[in-house]
């Protein structure tokens, strides 16, 4: 029983380390999900801009064809 304090300290520090690791893993996961959502919004915005650019380009080409006639 003379090492009871040491055993409790070792178990307490092991528990603290494991709890901290789990907390960090959950935090990193939430940050990754947030980043993933941001990237998906950026990709969607780029896709919409590409569609808009294509439509504008088609309108310009149509106007140029009408001017040539």
PDB file of N, CA and C in Angstrom:
ATOM      1  N   UNK A   1       0.798  -1.197   0.000  1.00  0.00           N
ATOM      2  CA  UNK A   1       0.000   0.000   0.000  1.00  0.00           C
ATOM      3  C   UNK A   1       0.842   1.263   0.000  1.00  0.00           C
ATOM      4  N   UNK A   2       2.128   1.124   0.098  1.00  0.00           N
ATOM      5  CA  UNK A   2       2.965   2.328   0.117  1.00  0.00           C
ATOM      6  C   UNK A   2       3.035   3.006  -1.250  1.00  0.00           C
ATOM      7  N   UNK A   3       2.706   2.267  -2.305  1.00  0.00           N
ATOM      8  CA  UNK A   3       2.752   2.845  -3.657  1.00  0.00           C
ATOM      9  C   UNK A   3       1.376   3.251  -4.169  1.00  0.00           C
ATOM     10  N   UNK A   4       0.398   3.330  -3.311  1.00  0.00           N
ATOM     11  CA  UNK A   4      -0.971   3.672  -3.713  1.00  0.00           C
ATOM     12  C   UNK A   4      -1.026   5.066  -4.348  1.00  0.00           C
ATOM     13  N   UNK A   5      -0.336   6.026  -3.805  1.00  0.00           N
ATOM     14  CA  UNK A   5      -0.311   7.382  -4.373  1.00  0.00           C
ATOM     15  C   UNK A   5       0.302   7.390  -5.754  1.00  0.00           C
ATOM     16  N   UNK A   6       1.368   6.616  -5.936  1.00  0.00           N
ATOM     17  CA  UNK A   6       2.017   6.526  -7.247  1.00  0.00           C
ATOM     18  C   UNK A   6       1.091   5.871  -8.257  1.00  0.00           C
ATOM     19  N   UNK A   7       0.411   4.826  -7.858  1.00  0.00           N
ATOM     20  CA  UNK A   7      -0.511   4.130  -8.762  1.00  0.00           C
ATOM     21  C   UNK A   7      -1.656   5.052  -9.159  1.00  0.00           C
ATOM     22  N   UNK A   8      -2.208   5.765  -8.195  1.00  0.00           N
ATOM     23  CA  UNK A   8      -3.291   6.701  -8.497  1.00  0.00           C
ATOM     24  C   UNK A   8      -2.798   7.807  -9.434  1.00  0.00           C
ATOM     25  N   UNK A   9      -1.593   8.297  -9.219  1.00  0.00           N
ATOM     26  CA  UNK A   9      -1.028   9.341 -10.085  1.00  0.00           C
ATOM     27  C   UNK A   9      -0.832   8.818 -11.505  1.00  0.00           C
ATOM     28  N   UNK A  10      -0.326   7.597 -11.646  1.00  0.00           N
ATOM     29  CA  UNK A  10      -0.128   7.016 -12.972  1.00  0.00           C
ATOM     30  C   UNK A  10      -1.456   6.799 -13.690  1.00  0.00           C
ATOM     31  N   UNK A  11      -2.439   6.278 -12.988  1.00  0.00           N
ATOM     32  CA  UNK A  11      -3.753   6.061 -13.596  1.00  0.00           C
ATOM     33  C   UNK A  11      -4.396   7.395 -13.959  1.00  0.00           C
ATOM     34  N   UNK A  12      -4.256   8.373 -13.089  1.00  0.00           N
ATOM     35  CA  UNK A  12      -4.815   9.702 -13.360  1.00  0.00           C
ATOM     36  C   UNK A  12      -4.168  10.363 -14.557  1.00  0.00           C
ATOM     37  N   UNK A  13      -2.843  10.252 -14.670  1.00  0.00           N
ATOM     38  CA  UNK A  13      -2.180  10.866 -15.824  1.00  0.00           C
ATOM     39  C   UNK A  13      -2.499  10.117 -17.108  1.00  0.00           C
ATOM     40  N   UNK A  14      -2.608   8.803 -17.041  1.00  0.00           N
ATOM     41  CA  UNK A  14      -2.980   8.047 -18.241  1.00  0.00           C
ATOM     42  C   UNK A  14      -4.387   8.426 -18.690  1.00  0.00           C
ATOM     43  N   UNK A  15      -5.307   8.544 -17.740  1.00  0.00           N
ATOM     44  CA  UNK A  15      -6.675   8.951 -18.074  1.00  0.00           C
ATOM     45  C   UNK A  15      -6.694  10.356 -18.674  1.00  0.00           C
ATOM     46  N   UNK A  16      -5.919  11.267 -18.106  1.00  0.00           N
ATOM     47  CA  UNK A  16      -5.864  12.640 -18.608  1.00  0.00           C
ATOM     48  C   UNK A  16      -5.323  12.690 -20.029  1.00  0.00           C
ATOM     49  N   UNK A  17      -4.281  11.917 -20.301  1.00  0.00           N
ATOM     50  CA  UNK A  17      -3.699  11.883 -21.647  1.00  0.00           C
ATOM     51  C   UNK A  17      -4.701  11.333 -22.642  1.00  0.00           C
ATOM     52  N   UNK A  18      -5.364  10.232 -22.278  1.00  0.00           N
ATOM     53  CA  UNK A  18      -6.361   9.636 -23.185  1.00  0.00           C
ATOM     54  C   UNK A  18      -7.519  10.609 -23.422  1.00  0.00           C
ATOM     55  N   UNK A  19      -7.996  11.252 -22.375  1.00  0.00           N
ATOM     56  CA  UNK A  19      -9.096  12.216 -22.518  1.00  0.00           C
ATOM     57  C   UNK A  19      -8.685  13.395 -23.406  1.00  0.00           C
ATOM     58  N   UNK A  20      -7.462  13.868 -23.233  1.00  0.00           N
ATOM     59  CA  UNK A  20      -6.983  14.982 -24.066  1.00  0.00           C
ATOM     60  C   UNK A  20      -6.872  14.559 -25.530  1.00  0.00           C
ATOM     61  N   UNK A  21      -6.396  13.365 -25.777  1.00  0.00           N
ATOM     62  CA  UNK A  21      -6.281  12.871 -27.151  1.00  0.00           C
ATOM     63  C   UNK A  21      -7.654  12.744 -27.805  1.00  0.00           C
ATOM     64  N   UNK A  22      -8.627  12.215 -27.057  1.00  0.00           N
ATOM     65  CA  UNK A  22      -9.980  12.093 -27.611  1.00  0.00           C
ATOM     66  C   UNK A  22     -10.565  13.472 -27.900  1.00  0.00           C
ATOM     67  N   UNK A  23     -10.358  14.405 -26.995  1.00  0.00           N
ATOM     68  CA  UNK A  23     -10.863  15.765 -27.206  1.00  0.00           C
ATOM     69  C   UNK A  23     -10.221  16.398 -28.441  1.00  0.00           C
ATOM     70  N   UNK A  24      -8.919  16.225 -28.616  1.00  0.00           N
ATOM     71  CA  UNK A  24      -8.239  16.787 -29.787  1.00  0.00           C
ATOM     72  C   UNK A  24      -8.705  16.120 -31.073  1.00  0.00           C
ATOM     73  N   UNK A  25      -8.928  14.810 -31.036  1.00  0.00           N
ATOM     74  CA  UNK A  25      -9.412  14.112 -32.228  1.00  0.00           C
ATOM     75  C   UNK A  25     -10.794  14.625 -32.629  1.00  0.00           C
ATOM     76  N   UNK A  26     -11.679  14.827 -31.654  1.00  0.00           N
ATOM     77  CA  UNK A  26     -13.009  15.348 -31.956  1.00  0.00           C
ATOM     78  C   UNK A  26     -12.939  16.777 -32.483  1.00  0.00           C
ATOM     79  N   UNK A  27     -12.051  17.591 -31.916  1.00  0.00           N
ATOM     80  CA  UNK A  27     -11.898  18.966 -32.385  1.00  0.00           C
ATOM     81  C   UNK A  27     -11.372  19.004 -33.821  1.00  0.00           C
ATOM     82  N   UNK A  28     -10.378  18.177 -34.108  1.00  0.00           N
ATOM     83  CA  UNK A  28      -9.812  18.135 -35.464  1.00  0.00           C
ATOM     84  C   UNK A  28     -10.866  17.660 -36.462  1.00  0.00           C
ATOM     85  N   UNK A  29     -11.669  16.699 -36.048  1.00  0.00           N
ATOM     86  CA  UNK A  29     -12.720  16.197 -36.935  1.00  0.00           C
ATOM     87  C   UNK A  29     -13.734  17.296 -37.249  1.00  0.00           C
ATOM     88  N   UNK A  30     -14.127  18.058 -36.251  1.00  0.00           N
ATOM     89  CA  UNK A  30     -15.091  19.136 -36.497  1.00  0.00           C
ATOM     90  C   UNK A  30     -14.489  20.220 -37.392  1.00  0.00           C
ATOM     91  N   UNK A  31     -13.232  20.530 -37.198  1.00  0.00           N
ATOM     92  CA  UNK A  31     -12.575  21.519 -38.060  1.00  0.00           C
ATOM     93  C   UNK A  31     -12.478  21.011 -39.501  1.00  0.00           C
ATOM     94  N   UNK A  32     -12.182  19.728 -39.663  1.00  0.00           N
ATOM     95  CA  UNK A  32     -12.095  19.146 -41.007  1.00  0.00           C
ATOM     96  C   UNK A  32     -13.451  19.195 -41.698  1.00  0.00           C
ATOM     97  N   UNK A  33     -14.519  18.916 -40.962  1.00  0.00           N
ATOM     98  CA  UNK A  33     -15.857  18.996 -41.541  1.00  0.00           C
ATOM     99  C   UNK A  33     -16.189  20.424 -41.953  1.00  0.00           C
ATOM    100  N   UNK A  34     -15.795  21.378 -41.140  1.00  0.00           N
ATOM    101  CA  UNK A  34     -16.028  22.779 -41.474  1.00  0.00           C
ATOM    102  C   UNK A  34     -15.252  23.162 -42.738  1.00  0.00           C
ATOM    103  N   UNK A  35     -14.005  22.747 -42.818  1.00  0.00           N
ATOM    104  CA  UNK A  35     -13.203  23.027 -44.010  1.00  0.00           C
ATOM    105  C   UNK A  35     -13.804  22.366 -45.241  1.00  0.00           C
ATOM    106  N   UNK A  36     -14.302  21.149 -45.085  1.00  0.00           N
ATOM    107  CA  UNK A  36     -14.909  20.434 -46.210  1.00  0.00           C
ATOM    108  C   UNK A  36     -16.139  21.184 -46.716  1.00  0.00           C
ATOM    109  N   UNK A  37     -16.960  21.691 -45.792  1.00  0.00           N
ATOM    110  CA  UNK A  37     -18.140  22.460 -46.198  1.00  0.00           C
ATOM    111  C   UNK A  37     -17.720  23.734 -46.934  1.00  0.00           C
ATOM    112  N   UNK A  38     -16.696  24.416 -46.436  1.00  0.00           N
ATOM    113  CA  UNK A  38     -16.216  25.628 -47.098  1.00  0.00           C
ATOM    114  C   UNK A  38     -15.715  25.328 -48.501  1.00  0.00           C
ATOM    115  N   UNK A  39     -14.995  24.245 -48.654  1.00  0.00           N
ATOM    116  CA  UNK A  39     -14.473  23.878 -49.975  1.00  0.00           C
ATOM    117  C   UNK A  39     -15.609  23.539 -50.923  1.00  0.00           C
ATOM    118  N   UNK A  40     -16.635  22.846 -50.424  1.00  0.00           N
ATOM    119  CA  UNK A  40     -17.778  22.510 -51.276  1.00  0.00           C
ATOM    120  C   UNK A  40     -18.503  23.777 -51.724  1.00  0.00           C
ATOM    121  N   UNK A  41     -18.604  24.782 -50.836  1.00  0.00           N
ATOM    122  CA  UNK A  41     -19.212  26.054 -51.233  1.00  0.00           C
ATOM    123  C   UNK A  41     -18.363  26.749 -52.290  1.00  0.00           C
ATOM    124  N   UNK A  42     -17.056  26.705 -52.140  1.00  0.00           N
ATOM    125  CA  UNK A  42     -16.176  27.322 -53.141  1.00  0.00           C
ATOM    126  C   UNK A  42     -16.308  26.621 -54.488  1.00  0.00           C
ATOM    127  N   UNK A  43     -16.337  25.305 -54.472  1.00  0.00           N
ATOM    128  CA  UNK A  43     -16.477  24.549 -55.718  1.00  0.00           C
ATOM    129  C   UNK A  43     -17.803  24.876 -56.388  1.00  0.00           C
ATOM    130  N   UNK A  44     -18.862  24.974 -55.582  1.00  0.00           N
ATOM    131  CA  UNK A  44     -20.172  25.325 -56.133  1.00  0.00           C
ATOM    132  C   UNK A  44     -20.156  26.721 -56.745  1.00  0.00           C
ATOM    133  N   UNK A  45     -19.519  27.655 -56.068  1.00  0.00           N
ATOM    134  CA  UNK A  45     -19.434  29.019 -56.595  1.00  0.00           C
ATOM    135  C   UNK A  45     -18.630  29.061 -57.890  1.00  0.00           C
ATOM    136  N   UNK A  46     -17.548  28.314 -57.948  1.00  0.00           N
ATOM    137  CA  UNK A  46     -16.740  28.260 -59.174  1.00  0.00           C
ATOM    138  C   UNK A  46     -17.544  27.649 -60.306  1.00  0.00           C
ATOM    139  N   UNK A  47     -18.296  26.603 -59.991  1.00  0.00           N
ATOM    140  CA  UNK A  47     -19.115  25.947 -61.010  1.00  0.00           C
ATOM    141  C   UNK A  47     -20.167  26.911 -61.562  1.00  0.00           C
ATOM    142  N   UNK A  48     -20.819  27.662 -60.681  1.00  0.00           N
ATOM    143  CA  UNK A  48     -21.816  28.634 -61.127  1.00  0.00           C
ATOM    144  C   UNK A  48     -21.174  29.741 -61.963  1.00  0.00           C
ATOM    145  N   UNK A  49     -19.983  30.171 -61.576  1.00  0.00           N
ATOM    146  CA  UNK A  49     -19.283  31.208 -62.343  1.00  0.00           C
ATOM    147  C   UNK A  49     -18.897  30.691 -63.730  1.00  0.00           C
ATOM    148  N   UNK A  50     -18.486  29.433 -63.806  1.00  0.00           N
ATOM    149  CA  UNK A  50     -18.151  28.849 -65.107  1.00  0.00           C
ATOM    150  C   UNK A  50     -19.383  28.780 -65.999  1.00  0.00           C
ATOM    151  N   UNK A  51     -20.533  28.408 -65.437  1.00  0.00           N
ATOM    152  CA  UNK A  51     -21.774  28.366 -66.216  1.00  0.00           C
ATOM    153  C   UNK A  51     -22.126  29.756 -66.721  1.00  0.00           C
ATOM    154  N   UNK A  52     -22.030  30.747 -65.827  1.00  0.00           N
ATOM    155  CA  UNK A  52     -22.344  32.122 -66.196  1.00  0.00           C
ATOM    156  C   UNK A  52     -21.399  32.613 -67.290  1.00  0.00           C
ATOM    157  N   UNK A  53     -20.129  32.299 -67.154  1.00  0.00           N
ATOM    158  CA  UNK A  53     -19.155  32.710 -68.171  1.00  0.00           C
ATOM    159  C   UNK A  53     -19.474  32.059 -69.510  1.00  0.00           C
ATOM    160  N   UNK A  54     -19.852  30.795 -69.485  1.00  0.00           N
ATOM    161  CA  UNK A  54     -20.179  30.100 -70.728  1.00  0.00           C
ATOM    162  C   UNK A  54     -21.388  30.746 -71.402  1.00  0.00           C
ATOM    163  N   UNK A  55     -22.400  31.089 -70.616  1.00  0.00           N
ATOM    164  CA  UNK A  55     -23.592  31.731 -71.179  1.00  0.00           C
ATOM    165  C   UNK A  55     -23.221  33.079 -71.788  1.00  0.00           C
ATOM    166  N   UNK A  56     -22.415  33.855 -71.076  1.00  0.00           N
ATOM    167  CA  UNK A  56     -21.998  35.156 -71.614  1.00  0.00           C
ATOM    168  C   UNK A  56     -21.174  34.995 -72.887  1.00  0.00           C
ATOM    169  N   UNK A  57     -20.326  33.978 -72.921  1.00  0.00           N
ATOM    170  CA  UNK A  57     -19.514  33.723 -74.107  1.00  0.00           C
ATOM    171  C   UNK A  57     -20.395  33.332 -75.287  1.00  0.00           C
ATOM    172  N   UNK A  58     -21.395  32.509 -75.038  1.00  0.00           N
ATOM    173  CA  UNK A  58     -22.321  32.124 -76.109  1.00  0.00           C
ATOM    174  C   UNK A  58     -23.082  33.339 -76.639  1.00  0.00           C
ATOM    175  N   UNK A  59     -23.490  34.242 -75.748  1.00  0.00           N
ATOM    176  CA  UNK A  59     -24.196  35.452 -76.173  1.00  0.00           C
ATOM    177  C   UNK A  59     -23.280  36.323 -77.023  1.00  0.00           C
ATOM    178  N   UNK A  60     -22.023  36.467 -76.626  1.00  0.00           N
ATOM    179  CA  UNK A  60     -21.069  37.268 -77.413  1.00  0.00           C
ATOM    180  C   UNK A  60     -20.854  36.650 -78.782  1.00  0.00           C
ATOM    181  N   UNK A  61     -20.700  35.334 -78.833  1.00  0.00           N
ATOM    182  CA  UNK A  61     -20.519  34.666 -80.127  1.00  0.00           C
ATOM    183  C   UNK A  61     -21.755  34.825 -81.010  1.00  0.00           C
ATOM    184  N   UNK A  62     -22.925  34.731 -80.421  1.00  0.00           N
ATOM    185  CA  UNK A  62     -24.163  34.910 -81.192  1.00  0.00           C
ATOM    186  C   UNK A  62     -24.255  36.330 -81.728  1.00  0.00           C
ATOM    187  N   UNK A  63     -23.899  37.321 -80.913  1.00  0.00           N
ATOM    188  CA  UNK A  63     -23.892  38.703 -81.371  1.00  0.00           C
ATOM    189  C   UNK A  63     -22.887  38.912 -82.504  1.00  0.00           C
ATOM    190  N   UNK A  64     -21.720  38.298 -82.406  1.00  0.00           N
ATOM    191  CA  UNK A  64     -20.708  38.418 -83.465  1.00  0.00           C
ATOM    192  C   UNK A  64     -21.186  37.776 -84.755  1.00  0.00           C
ATOM    193  N   UNK A  65     -21.886  36.654 -84.660  1.00  0.00           N
ATOM    194  CA  UNK A  65     -22.414  36.003 -85.863  1.00  0.00           C
ATOM    195  C   UNK A  65     -23.474  36.865 -86.519  1.00  0.00           C
ATOM    196  N   UNK A  66     -24.312  37.522 -85.715  1.00  0.00           N
ATOM    197  CA  UNK A  66     -25.354  38.386 -86.276  1.00  0.00           C
ATOM    198  C   UNK A  66     -24.741  39.624 -86.926  1.00  0.00           C
ATOM    199  N   UNK A  67     -23.642  40.123 -86.390  1.00  0.00           N
ATOM    200  CA  UNK A  67     -22.992  41.304 -86.980  1.00  0.00           C
ATOM    201  C   UNK A  67     -22.354  40.952 -88.306  1.00  0.00           C
ATOM    202  N   UNK A  68     -21.862  39.708 -88.441  1.00  0.00           N
ATOM    203  CA  UNK A  68     -21.198  39.295 -89.689  1.00  0.00           C
ATOM    204  C   UNK A  68     -22.191  39.138 -90.828  1.00  0.00           C
ATOM    205  N   UNK A  69     -23.449  38.863 -90.538  1.00  0.00           N
ATOM    206  CA  UNK A  69     -24.463  38.668 -91.586  1.00  0.00           C
ATOM    207  C   UNK A  69     -24.903  39.944 -92.157  1.00  0.00           C
TER     208      UNK A  69
END
